[in-house]
Amino acid sequence: MHLKKSLFLVAAVLIVDQISKIYVKTHFHLEESVEVFSWFKIYFIENEGAAWGTKLSDIFPVSERKAKLFLTLFRLLAIAGIGYWLWDLLKKQANRTLVLAVSLIFAGAVGNIIDSVFYGVLFDHSYGQVATFLAEDNYDSLFYGKVVDMLYFPIIDSRWPEWVPWLGGDSFRFFAPVFNIADTAISTGVGILLVFNKKAFSPAGDATAREVQ
Protein backbone atom coordinates (compact mmCIF):
# COMPACT_ATOMS: atom_id res chain seq x y z
CA MET A 1 0.00 0.00 0.00
CA HIS A 2 1.39 3.41 -1.02
CA LEU A 3 1.76 6.34 1.37
CA LYS A 4 -1.06 8.28 -0.35
CA LYS A 5 -3.49 5.37 0.02
CA SER A 6 -2.63 4.95 3.70
CA LEU A 7 -3.02 8.68 4.37
CA PHE A 8 -6.32 8.71 2.48
CA LEU A 9 -7.62 5.82 4.62
CA VAL A 10 -6.52 7.50 7.85
CA ALA A 11 -8.05 10.82 6.79
CA ALA A 12 -11.33 9.18 5.72
CA VAL A 13 -11.71 7.39 9.07
CA LEU A 14 -10.92 10.58 11.00
CA ILE A 15 -13.36 12.71 9.00
CA VAL A 16 -16.26 10.25 9.35
CA ASP A 17 -15.43 9.67 13.03
CA GLN A 18 -15.27 13.35 13.95
CA ILE A 19 -18.31 14.38 11.89
CA SER A 20 -20.40 11.67 13.57
CA LYS A 21 -19.17 12.67 17.04
CA ILE A 22 -19.69 16.39 16.56
CA TYR A 23 -23.15 15.78 15.09
CA VAL A 24 -24.22 13.59 18.02
CA LYS A 25 -22.67 15.93 20.57
CA THR A 26 -24.50 18.94 19.10
CA HIS A 27 -27.86 17.23 18.47
CA PHE A 28 -28.31 14.83 21.43
CA HIS A 29 -28.24 15.30 25.16
CA LEU A 30 -26.45 12.67 27.22
CA GLU A 31 -28.12 9.21 27.11
CA GLU A 32 -30.62 10.28 24.47
CA SER A 33 -31.22 7.60 21.84
CA VAL A 34 -32.87 7.20 18.45
CA GLU A 35 -33.94 3.79 17.17
CA VAL A 36 -32.76 3.19 13.59
CA PHE A 37 -33.74 -0.48 13.56
CA SER A 38 -34.89 -2.76 16.37
CA TRP A 39 -31.30 -4.05 16.57
CA PHE A 40 -29.48 -0.72 16.03
CA LYS A 41 -29.73 2.55 17.91
CA ILE A 42 -27.89 5.86 18.03
CA TYR A 43 -27.32 6.15 21.77
CA PHE A 44 -25.19 9.03 23.04
CA ILE A 45 -22.88 8.34 25.95
CA GLU A 46 -19.46 9.68 26.95
CA ASN A 47 -16.54 7.51 27.98
CA GLU A 48 -14.07 8.95 30.48
CA GLY A 49 -11.92 5.84 30.64
CA ALA A 50 -10.31 3.17 28.53
CA ALA A 51 -11.95 0.32 26.63
CA TRP A 52 -15.49 -0.57 27.79
CA GLY A 53 -15.48 2.48 30.07
CA THR A 54 -12.84 1.09 32.43
CA LYS A 55 -11.29 3.76 34.64
CA LEU A 56 -7.72 3.57 35.94
CA SER A 57 -8.97 5.01 39.22
CA ASP A 58 -11.02 1.83 39.67
CA ILE A 59 -7.80 -0.20 39.50
CA PHE A 60 -5.11 2.03 41.03
CA PRO A 61 -5.28 4.23 44.16
CA VAL A 62 -5.26 7.58 42.30
CA SER A 63 -7.83 10.32 41.82
CA GLU A 64 -10.06 10.23 38.73
CA ARG A 65 -8.48 13.38 37.30
CA LYS A 66 -4.92 12.08 37.67
CA ALA A 67 -5.98 8.77 36.17
CA LYS A 68 -7.65 10.57 33.26
CA LEU A 69 -4.55 12.69 32.60
CA PHE A 70 -2.27 9.65 32.77
CA LEU A 71 -4.50 7.73 30.36
CA THR A 72 -4.55 10.61 27.86
CA LEU A 73 -0.76 11.00 28.00
CA PHE A 74 -0.31 7.25 27.62
CA ARG A 75 -2.56 7.30 24.56
CA LEU A 76 -0.48 10.10 23.04
CA LEU A 77 2.69 8.04 23.52
CA ALA A 78 0.97 4.97 22.07
CA ILE A 79 -0.16 6.95 19.01
CA ALA A 80 3.38 8.23 18.49
CA GLY A 81 4.62 4.63 18.58
CA ILE A 82 1.94 3.37 16.20
CA GLY A 83 2.54 6.32 13.88
CA TYR A 84 6.26 5.57 13.74
CA TRP A 85 5.51 1.89 13.08
CA LEU A 86 3.18 2.82 10.22
CA TRP A 87 5.74 5.22 8.72
CA ASP A 88 8.44 2.55 8.94
CA LEU A 89 6.18 -0.02 7.25
CA LEU A 90 5.40 2.39 4.42
CA LYS A 91 9.06 3.29 3.99
CA LYS A 92 9.95 -0.40 3.73
CA GLN A 93 6.99 -1.08 1.40
CA ALA A 94 5.74 -3.74 3.78
CA ASN A 95 2.91 -6.19 3.18
CA ARG A 96 -0.31 -4.41 2.20
CA THR A 97 -2.36 -6.38 4.71
CA LEU A 98 -0.12 -5.24 7.56
CA VAL A 99 -0.14 -1.61 6.39
CA LEU A 100 -3.93 -1.68 6.07
CA ALA A 101 -4.35 -3.02 9.61
CA VAL A 102 -1.90 -0.57 11.19
CA SER A 103 -3.44 2.35 9.24
CA LEU A 104 -6.87 1.51 10.67
CA ILE A 105 -5.51 1.14 14.21
CA PHE A 106 -3.63 4.45 13.92
CA ALA A 107 -6.67 6.28 12.54
CA GLY A 108 -8.92 4.96 15.29
CA ALA A 109 -6.44 5.82 18.02
CA VAL A 110 -6.05 9.38 16.70
CA GLY A 111 -9.83 9.73 16.42
CA ASN A 112 -10.35 8.95 20.10
CA ILE A 113 -7.39 10.99 21.33
CA ILE A 114 -8.86 14.08 19.64
CA ASP A 115 -11.86 13.70 21.97
CA SER A 116 -9.69 13.14 25.04
CA VAL A 117 -7.39 16.09 24.39
CA PHE A 118 -9.68 18.74 22.87
CA TYR A 119 -13.37 18.06 23.49
CA GLY A 120 -13.26 19.41 27.04
CA VAL A 121 -12.39 22.88 25.73
CA LEU A 122 -14.47 22.72 22.53
CA PHE A 123 -17.89 21.91 24.04
CA ASP A 124 -20.01 22.68 27.06
CA HIS A 125 -21.62 19.80 28.97
CA SER A 126 -24.37 17.48 27.64
CA TYR A 127 -26.29 16.83 30.86
CA GLY A 128 -29.93 17.56 30.08
CA GLN A 129 -28.99 19.81 27.19
CA VAL A 130 -27.52 19.72 23.69
CA ALA A 131 -23.89 20.80 23.79
CA THR A 132 -22.59 23.83 21.90
CA PHE A 133 -19.51 23.62 19.70
CA LEU A 134 -16.86 26.25 20.55
CA ALA A 135 -18.81 27.13 23.66
CA GLU A 136 -17.60 29.92 25.94
CA ASP A 137 -18.37 27.85 29.03
CA ASN A 138 -16.49 24.64 28.17
CA TYR A 139 -17.04 21.53 30.31
CA ASP A 140 -13.38 20.88 31.20
CA SER A 141 -9.77 21.71 30.37
CA LEU A 142 -7.26 20.47 27.81
CA PHE A 143 -6.46 16.73 28.13
CA TYR A 144 -9.64 16.06 30.13
CA GLY A 145 -12.17 15.55 27.36
CA LYS A 146 -14.53 12.59 27.17
CA VAL A 147 -14.75 10.20 24.22
CA VAL A 148 -18.10 10.34 22.42
CA ASP A 149 -19.76 6.96 21.75
CA MET A 150 -23.02 6.43 19.90
CA LEU A 151 -23.23 3.12 17.99
CA TYR A 152 -25.36 0.61 19.88
CA PHE A 153 -26.42 -2.80 18.59
CA PRO A 154 -28.77 -4.52 21.09
CA ILE A 155 -29.26 -7.41 18.65
CA ILE A 156 -30.77 -9.52 21.43
CA ASP A 157 -32.51 -7.79 24.35
CA SER A 158 -34.25 -10.41 26.46
CA ARG A 159 -34.08 -12.35 29.72
CA TRP A 160 -32.48 -15.61 30.70
CA PRO A 161 -34.96 -18.48 31.08
CA GLU A 162 -35.95 -19.10 34.69
CA TRP A 163 -34.43 -22.58 34.62
CA VAL A 164 -30.88 -21.30 33.94
CA PRO A 165 -28.83 -21.64 37.19
CA TRP A 166 -27.80 -18.32 38.82
CA LEU A 167 -28.87 -16.28 35.77
CA GLY A 168 -32.52 -17.25 35.48
CA GLY A 169 -34.75 -14.20 35.12
CA ASP A 170 -31.86 -11.76 34.72
CA SER A 171 -31.73 -9.49 31.70
CA PHE A 172 -29.62 -10.62 28.76
CA ARG A 173 -28.40 -8.25 26.08
CA PHE A 174 -26.23 -8.94 23.05
CA PHE A 175 -24.40 -6.80 21.91
CA ALA A 176 -24.21 -4.42 24.92
CA PRO A 177 -21.18 -2.11 24.33
CA VAL A 178 -21.67 1.36 22.86
CA PHE A 179 -18.82 2.46 20.59
CA ASN A 180 -17.86 4.83 17.76
CA ILE A 181 -16.26 4.84 14.30
CA ALA A 182 -12.75 5.12 15.75
CA ASP A 183 -13.35 2.04 17.93
CA THR A 184 -14.61 0.20 14.84
CA ALA A 185 -11.42 1.06 12.93
CA ILE A 186 -9.23 -0.15 15.80
CA SER A 187 -11.18 -3.39 16.19
CA THR A 188 -11.10 -4.01 12.43
CA GLY A 189 -7.35 -3.44 12.31
CA VAL A 190 -6.72 -5.77 15.25
CA GLY A 191 -9.09 -8.33 13.71
CA ILE A 192 -7.13 -8.26 10.44
CA LEU A 193 -3.88 -8.86 12.33
CA LEU A 194 -5.40 -11.79 14.22
CA VAL A 195 -7.16 -13.46 11.29
CA PHE A 196 -4.52 -12.79 8.64
CA ASN A 197 -1.52 -12.94 10.96
CA LYS A 198 0.66 -15.18 8.77
CA LYS A 199 -0.07 -13.16 5.64
CA ALA A 200 0.48 -9.82 7.34
CA PHE A 201 3.84 -10.71 8.84
CA SER A 202 5.08 -12.97 6.06
CA PRO A 203 8.38 -11.86 4.43
CA ALA A 204 7.10 -13.44 1.22
CA GLY A 205 4.08 -11.15 1.40
CA ASP A 206 6.41 -8.16 1.50
CA ALA A 207 8.08 -9.25 -1.71
CA THR A 208 4.72 -9.75 -3.40
CA ALA A 209 3.62 -6.29 -2.36
CA ARG A 210 6.74 -4.75 -3.89
CA GLU A 211 6.17 -6.57 -7.17
CA VAL A 212 2.57 -5.35 -7.38
CA GLN A 213 3.55 -1.78 -6.61
C-alpha atoms as a PDB file:
ATOM      1  CA  MET A   1       0.000   0.000   0.000  1.00  0.00           C
ATOM      2  CA  HIS A   2       1.387   3.410  -1.017  1.00  0.00           C
ATOM      3  CA  LEU A   3       1.761   6.342   1.371  1.00  0.00           C
ATOM      4  CA  LYS A   4      -1.057   8.279  -0.350  1.00  0.00           C
ATOM      5  CA  LYS A   5      -3.488   5.368   0.021  1.00  0.00           C
ATOM      6  CA  SER A   6      -2.625   4.948   3.697  1.00  0.00           C
ATOM      7  CA  LEU A   7      -3.015   8.685   4.367  1.00  0.00           C
ATOM      8  CA  PHE A   8      -6.323   8.711   2.480  1.00  0.00           C
ATOM      9  CA  LEU A   9      -7.621   5.822   4.620  1.00  0.00           C
ATOM     10  CA  VAL A  10      -6.517   7.502   7.851  1.00  0.00           C
ATOM     11  CA  ALA A  11      -8.050  10.823   6.788  1.00  0.00           C
ATOM     12  CA  ALA A  12     -11.328   9.175   5.721  1.00  0.00           C
ATOM     13  CA  VAL A  13     -11.706   7.386   9.068  1.00  0.00           C
ATOM     14  CA  LEU A  14     -10.915  10.576  11.001  1.00  0.00           C
ATOM     15  CA  ILE A  15     -13.361  12.709   9.002  1.00  0.00           C
ATOM     16  CA  VAL A  16     -16.256  10.251   9.352  1.00  0.00           C
ATOM     17  CA  ASP A  17     -15.429   9.674  13.032  1.00  0.00           C
ATOM     18  CA  GLN A  18     -15.265  13.354  13.952  1.00  0.00           C
ATOM     19  CA  ILE A  19     -18.306  14.383  11.890  1.00  0.00           C
ATOM     20  CA  SER A  20     -20.397  11.669  13.573  1.00  0.00           C
ATOM     21  CA  LYS A  21     -19.167  12.669  17.039  1.00  0.00           C
ATOM     22  CA  ILE A  22     -19.689  16.391  16.556  1.00  0.00           C
ATOM     23  CA  TYR A  23     -23.154  15.783  15.093  1.00  0.00           C
ATOM     24  CA  VAL A  24     -24.222  13.586  18.022  1.00  0.00           C
ATOM     25  CA  LYS A  25     -22.666  15.928  20.565  1.00  0.00           C
ATOM     26  CA  THR A  26     -24.499  18.944  19.099  1.00  0.00           C
ATOM     27  CA  HIS A  27     -27.859  17.231  18.469  1.00  0.00           C
ATOM     28  CA  PHE A  28     -28.308  14.830  21.427  1.00  0.00           C
ATOM     29  CA  HIS A  29     -28.239  15.301  25.157  1.00  0.00           C
ATOM     30  CA  LEU A  30     -26.453  12.671  27.222  1.00  0.00           C
ATOM     31  CA  GLU A  31     -28.123   9.207  27.110  1.00  0.00           C
ATOM     32  CA  GLU A  32     -30.620  10.283  24.472  1.00  0.00           C
ATOM     33  CA  SER A  33     -31.222   7.604  21.840  1.00  0.00           C
ATOM     34  CA  VAL A  34     -32.865   7.197  18.451  1.00  0.00           C
ATOM     35  CA  GLU A  35     -33.935   3.791  17.174  1.00  0.00           C
ATOM     36  CA  VAL A  36     -32.760   3.191  13.593  1.00  0.00           C
ATOM     37  CA  PHE A  37     -33.736  -0.485  13.564  1.00  0.00           C
ATOM     38  CA  SER A  38     -34.891  -2.759  16.373  1.00  0.00           C
ATOM     39  CA  TRP A  39     -31.297  -4.046  16.566  1.00  0.00           C
ATOM     40  CA  PHE A  40     -29.475  -0.723  16.029  1.00  0.00           C
ATOM     41  CA  LYS A  41     -29.728   2.553  17.912  1.00  0.00           C
ATOM     42  CA  ILE A  42     -27.895   5.859  18.031  1.00  0.00           C
ATOM     43  CA  TYR A  43     -27.325   6.148  21.769  1.00  0.00           C
ATOM     44  CA  PHE A  44     -25.191   9.033  23.043  1.00  0.00           C
ATOM     45  CA  ILE A  45     -22.878   8.345  25.954  1.00  0.00           C
ATOM     46  CA  GLU A  46     -19.460   9.677  26.954  1.00  0.00           C
ATOM     47  CA  ASN A  47     -16.539   7.513  27.979  1.00  0.00           C
ATOM     48  CA  GLU A  48     -14.065   8.949  30.477  1.00  0.00           C
ATOM     49  CA  GLY A  49     -11.922   5.843  30.638  1.00  0.00           C
ATOM     50  CA  ALA A  50     -10.312   3.166  28.531  1.00  0.00           C
ATOM     51  CA  ALA A  51     -11.950   0.321  26.626  1.00  0.00           C
ATOM     52  CA  TRP A  52     -15.494  -0.573  27.789  1.00  0.00           C
ATOM     53  CA  GLY A  53     -15.481   2.475  30.068  1.00  0.00           C
ATOM     54  CA  THR A  54     -12.842   1.087  32.432  1.00  0.00           C
ATOM     55  CA  LYS A  55     -11.291   3.762  34.645  1.00  0.00           C
ATOM     56  CA  LEU A  56      -7.724   3.565  35.935  1.00  0.00           C
ATOM     57  CA  SER A  57      -8.966   5.013  39.220  1.00  0.00           C
ATOM     58  CA  ASP A  58     -11.021   1.831  39.667  1.00  0.00           C
ATOM     59  CA  ILE A  59      -7.795  -0.200  39.498  1.00  0.00           C
ATOM     60  CA  PHE A  60      -5.115   2.032  41.029  1.00  0.00           C
ATOM     61  CA  PRO A  61      -5.285   4.234  44.160  1.00  0.00           C
ATOM     62  CA  VAL A  62      -5.262   7.581  42.301  1.00  0.00           C
ATOM     63  CA  SER A  63      -7.832  10.317  41.818  1.00  0.00           C
ATOM     64  CA  GLU A  64     -10.062  10.232  38.733  1.00  0.00           C
ATOM     65  CA  ARG A  65      -8.476  13.382  37.295  1.00  0.00           C
ATOM     66  CA  LYS A  66      -4.924  12.082  37.673  1.00  0.00           C
ATOM     67  CA  ALA A  67      -5.982   8.771  36.166  1.00  0.00           C
ATOM     68  CA  LYS A  68      -7.653  10.573  33.257  1.00  0.00           C
ATOM     69  CA  LEU A  69      -4.548  12.695  32.596  1.00  0.00           C
ATOM     70  CA  PHE A  70      -2.268   9.648  32.774  1.00  0.00           C
ATOM     71  CA  LEU A  71      -4.502   7.735  30.357  1.00  0.00           C
ATOM     72  CA  THR A  72      -4.552  10.614  27.856  1.00  0.00           C
ATOM     73  CA  LEU A  73      -0.756  11.004  28.004  1.00  0.00           C
ATOM     74  CA  PHE A  74      -0.309   7.249  27.622  1.00  0.00           C
ATOM     75  CA  ARG A  75      -2.564   7.300  24.559  1.00  0.00           C
ATOM     76  CA  LEU A  76      -0.477  10.098  23.041  1.00  0.00           C
ATOM     77  CA  LEU A  77       2.693   8.037  23.519  1.00  0.00           C
ATOM     78  CA  ALA A  78       0.968   4.968  22.066  1.00  0.00           C
ATOM     79  CA  ILE A  79      -0.161   6.948  19.013  1.00  0.00           C
ATOM     80  CA  ALA A  80       3.375   8.230  18.493  1.00  0.00           C
ATOM     81  CA  GLY A  81       4.621   4.635  18.579  1.00  0.00           C
ATOM     82  CA  ILE A  82       1.941   3.374  16.198  1.00  0.00           C
ATOM     83  CA  GLY A  83       2.539   6.322  13.878  1.00  0.00           C
ATOM     84  CA  TYR A  84       6.261   5.574  13.742  1.00  0.00           C
ATOM     85  CA  TRP A  85       5.513   1.895  13.076  1.00  0.00           C
ATOM     86  CA  LEU A  86       3.180   2.817  10.218  1.00  0.00           C
ATOM     87  CA  TRP A  87       5.735   5.222   8.716  1.00  0.00           C
ATOM     88  CA  ASP A  88       8.444   2.552   8.939  1.00  0.00           C
ATOM     89  CA  LEU A  89       6.180  -0.016   7.249  1.00  0.00           C
ATOM     90  CA  LEU A  90       5.399   2.391   4.420  1.00  0.00           C
ATOM     91  CA  LYS A  91       9.058   3.291   3.990  1.00  0.00           C
ATOM     92  CA  LYS A  92       9.951  -0.396   3.728  1.00  0.00           C
ATOM     93  CA  GLN A  93       6.986  -1.080   1.398  1.00  0.00           C
ATOM     94  CA  ALA A  94       5.738  -3.743   3.782  1.00  0.00           C
ATOM     95  CA  ASN A  95       2.910  -6.188   3.183  1.00  0.00           C
ATOM     96  CA  ARG A  96      -0.312  -4.414   2.197  1.00  0.00           C
ATOM     97  CA  THR A  97      -2.362  -6.383   4.714  1.00  0.00           C
ATOM     98  CA  LEU A  98      -0.121  -5.242   7.562  1.00  0.00           C
ATOM     99  CA  VAL A  99      -0.136  -1.614   6.391  1.00  0.00           C
ATOM    100  CA  LEU A 100      -3.934  -1.675   6.071  1.00  0.00           C
ATOM    101  CA  ALA A 101      -4.354  -3.019   9.613  1.00  0.00           C
ATOM    102  CA  VAL A 102      -1.903  -0.569  11.192  1.00  0.00           C
ATOM    103  CA  SER A 103      -3.435   2.346   9.240  1.00  0.00           C
ATOM    104  CA  LEU A 104      -6.869   1.506  10.671  1.00  0.00           C
ATOM    105  CA  ILE A 105      -5.512   1.140  14.212  1.00  0.00           C
ATOM    106  CA  PHE A 106      -3.626   4.447  13.922  1.00  0.00           C
ATOM    107  CA  ALA A 107      -6.668   6.282  12.540  1.00  0.00           C
ATOM    108  CA  GLY A 108      -8.918   4.958  15.290  1.00  0.00           C
ATOM    109  CA  ALA A 109      -6.438   5.822  18.019  1.00  0.00           C
ATOM    110  CA  VAL A 110      -6.049   9.381  16.700  1.00  0.00           C
ATOM    111  CA  GLY A 111      -9.828   9.731  16.421  1.00  0.00           C
ATOM    112  CA  ASN A 112     -10.348   8.952  20.097  1.00  0.00           C
ATOM    113  CA  ILE A 113      -7.387  10.993  21.328  1.00  0.00           C
ATOM    114  CA  ILE A 114      -8.858  14.076  19.644  1.00  0.00           C
ATOM    115  CA  ASP A 115     -11.857  13.695  21.967  1.00  0.00           C
ATOM    116  CA  SER A 116      -9.688  13.144  25.040  1.00  0.00           C
ATOM    117  CA  VAL A 117      -7.388  16.091  24.385  1.00  0.00           C
ATOM    118  CA  PHE A 118      -9.678  18.740  22.866  1.00  0.00           C
ATOM    119  CA  TYR A 119     -13.374  18.064  23.492  1.00  0.00           C
ATOM    120  CA  GLY A 120     -13.262  19.411  27.043  1.00  0.00           C
ATOM    121  CA  VAL A 121     -12.390  22.875  25.734  1.00  0.00           C
ATOM    122  CA  LEU A 122     -14.472  22.721  22.532  1.00  0.00           C
ATOM    123  CA  PHE A 123     -17.895  21.914  24.040  1.00  0.00           C
ATOM    124  CA  ASP A 124     -20.007  22.677  27.057  1.00  0.00           C
ATOM    125  CA  HIS A 125     -21.624  19.797  28.967  1.00  0.00           C
ATOM    126  CA  SER A 126     -24.373  17.485  27.638  1.00  0.00           C
ATOM    127  CA  TYR A 127     -26.285  16.825  30.859  1.00  0.00           C
ATOM    128  CA  GLY A 128     -29.928  17.563  30.081  1.00  0.00           C
ATOM    129  CA  GLN A 129     -28.991  19.807  27.188  1.00  0.00           C
ATOM    130  CA  VAL A 130     -27.522  19.724  23.691  1.00  0.00           C
ATOM    131  CA  ALA A 131     -23.887  20.805  23.790  1.00  0.00           C
ATOM    132  CA  THR A 132     -22.595  23.833  21.905  1.00  0.00           C
ATOM    133  CA  PHE A 133     -19.511  23.617  19.701  1.00  0.00           C
ATOM    134  CA  LEU A 134     -16.862  26.254  20.554  1.00  0.00           C
ATOM    135  CA  ALA A 135     -18.812  27.128  23.664  1.00  0.00           C
ATOM    136  CA  GLU A 136     -17.602  29.920  25.944  1.00  0.00           C
ATOM    137  CA  ASP A 137     -18.367  27.846  29.035  1.00  0.00           C
ATOM    138  CA  ASN A 138     -16.485  24.641  28.171  1.00  0.00           C
ATOM    139  CA  TYR A 139     -17.036  21.534  30.308  1.00  0.00           C
ATOM    140  CA  ASP A 140     -13.380  20.883  31.202  1.00  0.00           C
ATOM    141  CA  SER A 141      -9.770  21.711  30.371  1.00  0.00           C
ATOM    142  CA  LEU A 142      -7.263  20.470  27.809  1.00  0.00           C
ATOM    143  CA  PHE A 143      -6.459  16.725  28.134  1.00  0.00           C
ATOM    144  CA  TYR A 144      -9.637  16.059  30.133  1.00  0.00           C
ATOM    145  CA  GLY A 145     -12.170  15.551  27.357  1.00  0.00           C
ATOM    146  CA  LYS A 146     -14.535  12.588  27.174  1.00  0.00           C
ATOM    147  CA  VAL A 147     -14.746  10.201  24.223  1.00  0.00           C
ATOM    148  CA  VAL A 148     -18.103  10.336  22.424  1.00  0.00           C
ATOM    149  CA  ASP A 149     -19.763   6.960  21.748  1.00  0.00           C
ATOM    150  CA  MET A 150     -23.017   6.426  19.901  1.00  0.00           C
ATOM    151  CA  LEU A 151     -23.228   3.119  17.991  1.00  0.00           C
ATOM    152  CA  TYR A 152     -25.363   0.614  19.884  1.00  0.00           C
ATOM    153  CA  PHE A 153     -26.421  -2.800  18.586  1.00  0.00           C
ATOM    154  CA  PRO A 154     -28.771  -4.521  21.087  1.00  0.00           C
ATOM    155  CA  ILE A 155     -29.264  -7.410  18.651  1.00  0.00           C
ATOM    156  CA  ILE A 156     -30.770  -9.519  21.427  1.00  0.00           C
ATOM    157  CA  ASP A 157     -32.515  -7.792  24.346  1.00  0.00           C
ATOM    158  CA  SER A 158     -34.249 -10.411  26.460  1.00  0.00           C
ATOM    159  CA  ARG A 159     -34.082 -12.352  29.725  1.00  0.00           C
ATOM    160  CA  TRP A 160     -32.478 -15.608  30.699  1.00  0.00           C
ATOM    161  CA  PRO A 161     -34.964 -18.484  31.081  1.00  0.00           C
ATOM    162  CA  GLU A 162     -35.955 -19.101  34.691  1.00  0.00           C
ATOM    163  CA  TRP A 163     -34.428 -22.584  34.618  1.00  0.00           C
ATOM    164  CA  VAL A 164     -30.875 -21.304  33.945  1.00  0.00           C
ATOM    165  CA  PRO A 165     -28.830 -21.636  37.189  1.00  0.00           C
ATOM    166  CA  TRP A 166     -27.798 -18.321  38.818  1.00  0.00           C
ATOM    167  CA  LEU A 167     -28.870 -16.279  35.769  1.00  0.00           C
ATOM    168  CA  GLY A 168     -32.523 -17.247  35.484  1.00  0.00           C
ATOM    169  CA  GLY A 169     -34.754 -14.200  35.124  1.00  0.00           C
ATOM    170  CA  ASP A 170     -31.864 -11.757  34.724  1.00  0.00           C
ATOM    171  CA  SER A 171     -31.731  -9.493  31.704  1.00  0.00           C
ATOM    172  CA  PHE A 172     -29.618 -10.619  28.756  1.00  0.00           C
ATOM    173  CA  ARG A 173     -28.402  -8.254  26.077  1.00  0.00           C
ATOM    174  CA  PHE A 174     -26.232  -8.944  23.050  1.00  0.00           C
ATOM    175  CA  PHE A 175     -24.405  -6.802  21.906  1.00  0.00           C
ATOM    176  CA  ALA A 176     -24.213  -4.416  24.919  1.00  0.00           C
ATOM    177  CA  PRO A 177     -21.179  -2.108  24.334  1.00  0.00           C
ATOM    178  CA  VAL A 178     -21.674   1.363  22.857  1.00  0.00           C
ATOM    179  CA  PHE A 179     -18.821   2.459  20.592  1.00  0.00           C
ATOM    180  CA  ASN A 180     -17.859   4.831  17.762  1.00  0.00           C
ATOM    181  CA  ILE A 181     -16.263   4.841  14.299  1.00  0.00           C
ATOM    182  CA  ALA A 182     -12.752   5.119  15.751  1.00  0.00           C
ATOM    183  CA  ASP A 183     -13.349   2.044  17.925  1.00  0.00           C
ATOM    184  CA  THR A 184     -14.607   0.202  14.843  1.00  0.00           C
ATOM    185  CA  ALA A 185     -11.423   1.063  12.932  1.00  0.00           C
ATOM    186  CA  ILE A 186      -9.226  -0.151  15.797  1.00  0.00           C
ATOM    187  CA  SER A 187     -11.184  -3.391  16.188  1.00  0.00           C
ATOM    188  CA  THR A 188     -11.102  -4.012  12.430  1.00  0.00           C
ATOM    189  CA  GLY A 189      -7.348  -3.436  12.310  1.00  0.00           C
ATOM    190  CA  VAL A 190      -6.722  -5.768  15.246  1.00  0.00           C
ATOM    191  CA  GLY A 191      -9.091  -8.334  13.708  1.00  0.00           C
ATOM    192  CA  ILE A 192      -7.126  -8.257  10.440  1.00  0.00           C
ATOM    193  CA  LEU A 193      -3.877  -8.856  12.328  1.00  0.00           C
ATOM    194  CA  LEU A 194      -5.397 -11.794  14.221  1.00  0.00           C
ATOM    195  CA  VAL A 195      -7.164 -13.456  11.292  1.00  0.00           C
ATOM    196  CA  PHE A 196      -4.516 -12.788   8.645  1.00  0.00           C
ATOM    197  CA  ASN A 197      -1.518 -12.936  10.964  1.00  0.00           C
ATOM    198  CA  LYS A 198       0.655 -15.177   8.766  1.00  0.00           C
ATOM    199  CA  LYS A 199      -0.069 -13.165   5.645  1.00  0.00           C
ATOM    200  CA  ALA A 200       0.477  -9.817   7.342  1.00  0.00           C
ATOM    201  CA  PHE A 201       3.841 -10.706   8.844  1.00  0.00           C
ATOM    202  CA  SER A 202       5.081 -12.974   6.059  1.00  0.00           C
ATOM    203  CA  PRO A 203       8.376 -11.863   4.433  1.00  0.00           C
ATOM    204  CA  ALA A 204       7.100 -13.438   1.223  1.00  0.00           C
ATOM    205  CA  GLY A 205       4.078 -11.155   1.404  1.00  0.00           C
ATOM    206  CA  ASP A 206       6.411  -8.156   1.502  1.00  0.00           C
ATOM    207  CA  ALA A 207       8.082  -9.253  -1.709  1.00  0.00           C
ATOM    208  CA  THR A 208       4.719  -9.748  -3.397  1.00  0.00           C
ATOM    209  CA  ALA A 209       3.617  -6.293  -2.358  1.00  0.00           C
ATOM    210  CA  ARG A 210       6.745  -4.749  -3.892  1.00  0.00           C
ATOM    211  CA  GLU A 211       6.166  -6.566  -7.166  1.00  0.00           C
ATOM    212  CA  VAL A 212       2.570  -5.346  -7.377  1.00  0.00           C
ATOM    213  CA  GLN A 213       3.551  -1.778  -6.608  1.00  0.00           C
END
